[in-house]
Protein backbone atom coordinates (compact mmCIF):
# COMPACT_ATOMS: atom_id res chain seq x y z
CA UNK A 1 0.00 0.00 0.00
CA UNK A 2 1.18 3.52 -0.71
CA UNK A 3 2.49 5.59 2.17
CA UNK A 4 2.17 9.35 2.34
CA UNK A 5 5.32 11.08 3.51
CA UNK A 6 4.88 12.98 6.75
CA UNK A 7 6.29 16.44 7.25
CA UNK A 8 8.77 16.55 10.11
CA UNK A 9 7.42 18.00 13.31
CA UNK A 10 8.63 21.48 14.22
CA UNK A 11 11.84 21.37 16.20
CA UNK A 12 12.80 17.83 15.06
CA UNK A 13 15.82 17.83 12.77
CA UNK A 14 15.28 16.17 9.42
CA UNK A 15 17.41 13.22 8.49
CA UNK A 16 17.95 12.81 4.78
CA UNK A 17 18.44 9.10 5.36
CA UNK A 18 14.84 8.64 6.53
CA UNK A 19 12.66 7.86 3.54
CA UNK A 20 9.94 5.75 5.12
CA UNK A 21 7.11 7.72 6.72
CA UNK A 22 6.80 5.07 9.44
CA UNK A 23 10.34 5.88 10.58
CA UNK A 24 9.41 9.44 11.51
CA UNK A 25 9.19 9.92 15.28
CA UNK A 26 5.73 11.32 16.00
CA UNK A 27 5.98 11.43 19.81
CA UNK A 28 7.38 14.82 20.68
CA UNK A 29 8.35 16.10 24.14
CA UNK A 30 5.56 17.98 25.93
CA UNK A 31 5.99 21.61 26.92
CA UNK A 32 8.14 22.39 29.96
CA UNK A 33 9.84 18.99 29.81
CA UNK A 34 6.65 17.19 30.89
CA UNK A 35 5.55 13.97 29.23
CA UNK A 36 2.30 13.52 27.39
CA UNK A 37 1.77 10.36 29.40
CA UNK A 38 1.93 12.36 32.65
CA UNK A 39 -0.40 15.07 31.30
CA UNK A 40 -2.85 12.42 30.13
CA UNK A 41 -2.74 10.79 33.56
CA UNK A 42 -3.52 14.14 35.25
CA UNK A 43 -6.44 14.79 32.91
CA UNK A 44 -7.84 11.30 33.50
CA UNK A 45 -7.47 11.75 37.28
CA UNK A 46 -9.48 15.00 37.19
CA UNK A 47 -12.15 13.37 35.02
CA UNK A 48 -12.34 10.35 37.33
CA UNK A 49 -12.67 12.61 40.37
CA UNK A 50 -15.50 14.53 38.73
CA UNK A 51 -17.26 11.26 37.84
CA UNK A 52 -16.96 10.00 41.42
CA UNK A 53 -18.38 13.24 42.85
CA UNK A 54 -21.22 13.14 40.32
CA UNK A 55 -21.91 9.48 41.13
CA UNK A 56 -22.12 10.20 44.87
CA UNK A 57 -24.46 13.12 44.22
CA UNK A 58 -26.67 10.99 41.98
CA UNK A 59 -26.75 8.20 44.56
CA UNK A 60 -28.04 10.69 47.15
CA UNK A 61 -30.75 11.86 44.74
CA UNK A 62 -31.73 8.27 43.90
CA UNK A 63 -31.88 7.47 47.62
CA UNK A 64 -34.28 10.37 48.18
CA UNK A 65 -36.40 9.32 45.19
CA UNK A 66 -36.50 5.74 46.47
CA UNK A 67 -37.46 6.96 49.93
CA UNK A 68 -40.17 9.18 48.47
CA UNK A 69 -41.48 6.33 46.29
CA UNK A 70 -41.64 3.96 49.24
CA UNK A 71 -43.32 6.72 51.22
CA UNK A 72 -46.14 6.85 48.67
CA UNK A 73 -46.95 3.24 49.52
CA UNK A 74 -46.95 3.98 53.25
CA UNK A 75 -49.69 5.39 55.34
CA UNK A 76 -49.33 9.17 55.48
CA UNK A 77 -47.75 10.55 58.65
CA UNK A 78 -48.77 14.11 59.53
CA UNK A 79 -47.38 16.02 62.51
CA UNK A 80 -49.21 19.23 63.40
CA UNK A 81 -50.32 19.68 59.80
CA UNK A 82 -46.96 18.83 58.21
CA UNK A 83 -46.56 15.69 56.10
CA UNK A 84 -43.47 13.79 57.25
CA UNK A 85 -44.23 10.52 55.45
CA UNK A 86 -41.06 8.63 54.57
CA UNK A 87 -38.83 10.75 56.81
CA UNK A 88 -35.88 8.90 58.32
CA UNK A 89 -35.61 11.16 61.34
CA UNK A 90 -39.21 12.05 62.15
CA UNK A 91 -39.82 8.42 63.07
CA UNK A 92 -37.10 8.61 65.72
CA UNK A 93 -38.46 8.80 69.29
CA UNK A 94 -36.09 11.62 70.30
CA UNK A 95 -37.16 13.78 67.33
CA UNK A 96 -40.83 13.08 68.04
CA UNK A 97 -40.25 14.14 71.66
CA UNK A 98 -38.65 17.33 70.36
CA UNK A 99 -41.72 17.99 68.19
CA UNK A 100 -44.10 17.64 71.12
CA UNK A 101 -41.83 19.75 73.34
CA UNK A 102 -41.76 22.50 70.70
CA UNK A 103 -45.53 22.27 70.27
CA UNK A 104 -46.02 22.86 74.00
CA UNK A 105 -43.44 25.66 74.11
CA UNK A 106 -45.01 27.46 71.15
CA UNK A 107 -48.61 26.69 72.12
CA UNK A 108 -50.92 29.51 71.04
CA UNK A 109 -48.30 31.06 68.75
CA UNK A 110 -49.17 31.33 65.08
CA UNK A 111 -47.22 32.46 62.06
CA UNK A 112 -48.45 35.25 59.83
CA UNK A 113 -49.61 32.55 57.42
CA UNK A 114 -52.09 31.40 60.08
CA UNK A 115 -50.32 28.09 60.67
CA UNK A 116 -49.33 26.98 64.19
CA UNK A 117 -45.75 28.02 64.89
CA UNK A 118 -44.62 24.44 65.47
CA UNK A 119 -45.20 23.75 61.76
CA UNK A 120 -42.27 26.05 60.98
CA UNK A 121 -40.11 24.08 63.41
CA UNK A 122 -40.99 20.79 61.70
CA UNK A 123 -40.37 22.22 58.22
CA UNK A 124 -36.97 23.45 59.39
CA UNK A 125 -36.12 19.94 60.56
CA UNK A 126 -37.24 18.47 57.23
CA UNK A 127 -35.04 20.90 55.28
CA UNK A 128 -32.08 19.88 57.45
CA UNK A 129 -32.88 16.22 56.78
CA UNK A 130 -33.11 16.78 53.02
CA UNK A 131 -29.57 18.21 53.03
CA UNK A 132 -28.04 15.29 54.90
CA UNK A 133 -26.36 12.54 52.82
CA UNK A 134 -27.87 9.04 53.03
CA UNK A 135 -24.96 7.36 54.83
CA UNK A 136 -24.17 9.37 57.93
CA UNK A 137 -23.49 9.20 61.63
CA UNK A 138 -27.13 8.77 62.60
CA UNK A 139 -26.72 9.83 66.23
CA UNK A 140 -25.08 13.14 65.32
CA UNK A 141 -27.61 13.98 62.62
CA UNK A 142 -30.57 12.94 64.72
CA UNK A 143 -29.40 15.48 67.30
CA UNK A 144 -29.17 18.10 64.52
CA UNK A 145 -32.74 17.45 63.33
CA UNK A 146 -34.03 17.56 66.92
CA UNK A 147 -32.17 20.85 67.43
CA UNK A 148 -33.71 22.20 64.22
CA UNK A 149 -37.17 21.44 65.61
CA UNK A 150 -36.26 23.18 68.88
CA UNK A 151 -34.25 26.05 67.37
CA UNK A 152 -36.64 28.84 68.49
CA UNK A 153 -37.66 27.67 71.96
CA UNK A 154 -34.85 29.56 73.71
CA UNK A 155 -35.43 32.92 72.01
CA UNK A 156 -39.20 32.82 71.51
CA UNK A 157 -40.51 30.64 74.33
CA UNK A 158 -38.10 31.45 77.19
CA UNK A 159 -36.97 27.83 77.57
CA UNK A 160 -33.54 27.62 79.17
CA UNK A 161 -30.61 25.76 77.64
CA UNK A 162 -30.30 23.89 80.94
CA UNK A 163 -33.83 22.55 80.46
CA UNK A 164 -32.96 21.36 76.95
CA UNK A 165 -29.78 19.75 78.27
CA UNK A 166 -31.78 17.88 80.90
CA UNK A 167 -34.50 16.79 78.44
CA UNK A 168 -32.48 16.05 75.28
CA UNK A 169 -28.80 15.84 76.17
CA UNK A 170 -25.69 17.87 75.48
CA UNK A 171 -25.59 17.60 71.68
CA UNK A 172 -29.11 18.96 71.14
CA UNK A 173 -28.79 21.66 73.82
CA UNK A 174 -25.42 22.87 72.48
CA UNK A 175 -26.76 23.06 68.93
CA UNK A 176 -29.81 25.07 69.98
CA UNK A 177 -27.62 27.38 72.06
CA UNK A 178 -25.33 28.04 69.07
CA UNK A 179 -28.28 28.70 66.75
CA UNK A 180 -29.62 31.13 69.35
CA UNK A 181 -26.30 33.02 69.36
CA UNK A 182 -26.41 33.28 65.58
CA UNK A 183 -29.97 34.59 65.72
CA UNK A 184 -29.07 37.17 68.36
CA UNK A 185 -26.19 38.44 66.23
CA UNK A 186 -28.46 38.68 63.23
CA UNK A 187 -31.07 40.56 65.27
CA UNK A 188 -28.47 43.10 66.40
CA UNK A 189 -27.51 43.82 62.81
CA UNK A 190 -31.14 44.10 61.77
CA UNK A 191 -31.96 46.42 64.67
CA UNK A 192 -29.00 48.63 63.78
CA UNK A 193 -30.17 48.86 60.20
CA UNK A 194 -33.64 49.93 61.36
CA UNK A 195 -32.04 52.68 63.47
CA UNK A 196 -30.29 54.29 60.58
CA UNK A 197 -27.71 52.02 58.99
CA UNK A 198 -28.12 52.23 55.25
CA UNK A 199 -26.12 49.06 54.71
CA UNK A 200 -24.01 46.57 56.56
CA UNK A 201 -20.47 47.86 57.03
CA UNK A 202 -17.46 45.58 56.46
CA UNK A 203 -17.00 45.37 60.23
CA UNK A 204 -20.57 44.06 60.70
CA UNK A 205 -19.97 41.40 58.07
CA UNK A 206 -16.65 40.55 59.71
CA UNK A 207 -18.27 40.06 63.12
CA UNK A 208 -21.04 37.85 61.76
CA UNK A 209 -18.71 35.78 59.62
CA UNK A 210 -16.24 35.37 62.49
CA UNK A 211 -19.07 34.05 64.67
CA UNK A 212 -20.16 31.73 61.88
CA UNK A 213 -16.62 30.43 61.37
CA UNK A 214 -16.28 29.78 65.12
CA UNK A 215 -19.59 27.92 65.18
CA UNK A 216 -18.66 25.98 62.04
CA UNK A 217 -15.53 24.64 63.73
CA UNK A 218 -17.59 23.55 66.72
CA UNK A 219 -20.44 22.00 64.70
CA UNK A 220 -21.03 22.80 60.99
CA UNK A 221 -24.61 21.50 61.22
CA UNK A 222 -25.50 24.57 63.33
CA UNK A 223 -25.09 26.67 60.17
CA UNK A 224 -27.27 24.21 58.25
CA UNK A 225 -30.02 24.61 60.87
CA UNK A 226 -29.88 28.40 60.57
CA UNK A 227 -29.93 28.22 56.76
CA UNK A 228 -32.93 25.87 56.89
CA UNK A 229 -34.70 28.30 59.23
CA UNK A 230 -34.04 31.20 56.85
CA UNK A 231 -35.10 29.22 53.77
CA UNK A 232 -38.44 28.28 55.28
CA UNK A 233 -39.01 31.88 56.37
CA UNK A 234 -38.27 33.03 52.82
CA UNK A 235 -40.85 30.60 51.46
CA UNK A 236 -43.52 32.57 53.31
CA UNK A 237 -41.95 36.04 53.02
CA UNK A 238 -44.88 37.21 50.88
CA UNK A 239 -47.03 37.62 54.01
CA UNK A 240 -44.77 40.39 55.37
CA UNK A 241 -45.31 44.11 54.67
CA UNK A 242 -43.47 45.29 51.56
CA UNK A 243 -40.72 47.21 53.36
CA UNK A 244 -39.91 44.37 55.75
CA UNK A 245 -40.14 41.85 52.91
CA UNK A 246 -37.49 43.77 50.98
CA UNK A 247 -35.27 44.09 54.07
CA UNK A 248 -35.42 40.34 54.76
CA UNK A 249 -34.64 39.56 51.10
CA UNK A 250 -31.67 41.94 51.10
CA UNK A 251 -30.30 40.40 54.28
CA UNK A 252 -30.80 36.88 52.94
CA UNK A 253 -28.97 37.68 49.74
CA UNK A 254 -26.12 39.59 51.38
CA UNK A 255 -25.47 37.21 54.28
CA UNK A 256 -27.09 33.80 54.09
CA UNK A 257 -26.82 33.06 50.36
CA UNK A 258 -23.11 33.91 50.53
CA UNK A 259 -22.64 31.62 53.54
CA UNK A 260 -24.55 28.74 51.91
CA UNK A 261 -22.38 29.14 48.81
CA UNK A 262 -19.11 29.19 50.76
CA UNK A 263 -20.08 26.06 52.74
CA UNK A 264 -21.22 24.09 49.67
CA UNK A 265 -24.99 23.95 50.28
CA UNK A 266 -25.76 25.01 46.71
CA UNK A 267 -29.38 23.82 46.72
CA UNK A 268 -30.18 26.05 49.72
CA UNK A 269 -28.36 28.97 48.09
CA UNK A 270 -30.18 28.52 44.78
CA UNK A 271 -33.66 28.43 46.30
CA UNK A 272 -32.99 31.41 48.56
CA UNK A 273 -31.64 33.38 45.60
CA UNK A 274 -34.76 32.59 43.57
CA UNK A 275 -37.02 33.71 46.42
CA UNK A 276 -34.99 36.92 46.81
CA UNK A 277 -35.37 37.50 43.07
CA UNK A 278 -39.16 37.32 43.42
CA UNK A 279 -39.10 39.97 46.17
CA UNK A 280 -36.47 42.31 44.77
CA UNK A 281 -37.38 42.20 41.08
CA UNK A 282 -41.00 41.00 40.80
CA UNK A 283 -41.60 42.30 37.25
CA UNK A 284 -38.47 40.64 35.87
CA UNK A 285 -39.31 37.44 37.73
CA UNK A 286 -42.87 37.39 36.35
CA UNK A 287 -41.60 37.93 32.79
CA UNK A 288 -38.94 35.23 33.11
CA UNK A 289 -41.40 32.83 34.72
CA UNK A 290 -43.87 33.41 31.89
CA UNK A 291 -41.20 32.71 29.27
CA UNK A 292 -40.10 29.51 31.02
CA UNK A 293 -43.70 28.30 31.45
CA UNK A 294 -44.27 28.98 27.78
CA UNK A 295 -41.07 27.13 26.82
CA UNK A 296 -42.02 24.05 28.85
CA UNK A 297 -45.73 24.14 27.99
CA UNK A 298 -46.80 24.77 31.60
CA UNK A 299 -49.80 26.81 32.71
CA UNK A 300 -48.67 30.34 33.55
CA UNK A 301 -49.28 31.74 37.01
């Protein structure tokens, strides 16, 4: 068969004695004295790492789908008006005790939506659960879900941390105490803004972030509880007066979306950002929502 002569690669001296195209060396040194084999290995390592991360993420999604599918075949479980069917943690006796304790502590309190306040506590616990991977230290995460249910009893119902420690143990009490400290810091910033601050100063951000970093080292799930609390509040932000609604959206975007992003809870960040978009730019949101509904053939709101 005929062979086509190959042009010599740049930088490779030509040898007049080489007449056969198969004798031409086609493997050239890589830039900076590296080898193509090494570069290929690095590229494959990065690709393999990305595939592993994607596989783990998909396994978590499949686990939740499987749990939800099995939940459809189960008898519905409703706690104080909130459907918790299929939940891993809301079948745990300690979490159920936390629900009843929160219901007693918040008895008579209602949210602006008209729902009993304890429903917010349960939703916060469910959001925490939905952001926990399937294979975890169950004892630690059960304490986190119980703390999420109880996160407001110290600030809003005058329950002492000592009482929580006696009733639920150190892990739950410490988590609630740390969430309370975060809430108090956030309230100070909000109160300052109402008294004349036009925006958070770098020092205010520094103080809040320093507190968050300290709490993250002690127990990162405390931040998850606070993010879950804020997300559920944003889901019902429409019931607030316009000025307060805008203030809460600004604070969420400036503080909590940034924190969720830096700690890797992208699903929480994305939903909070979307809800802030609705509040801050309602006309643009309505137009974009209409275009997307039209694109996907969905009924427009």
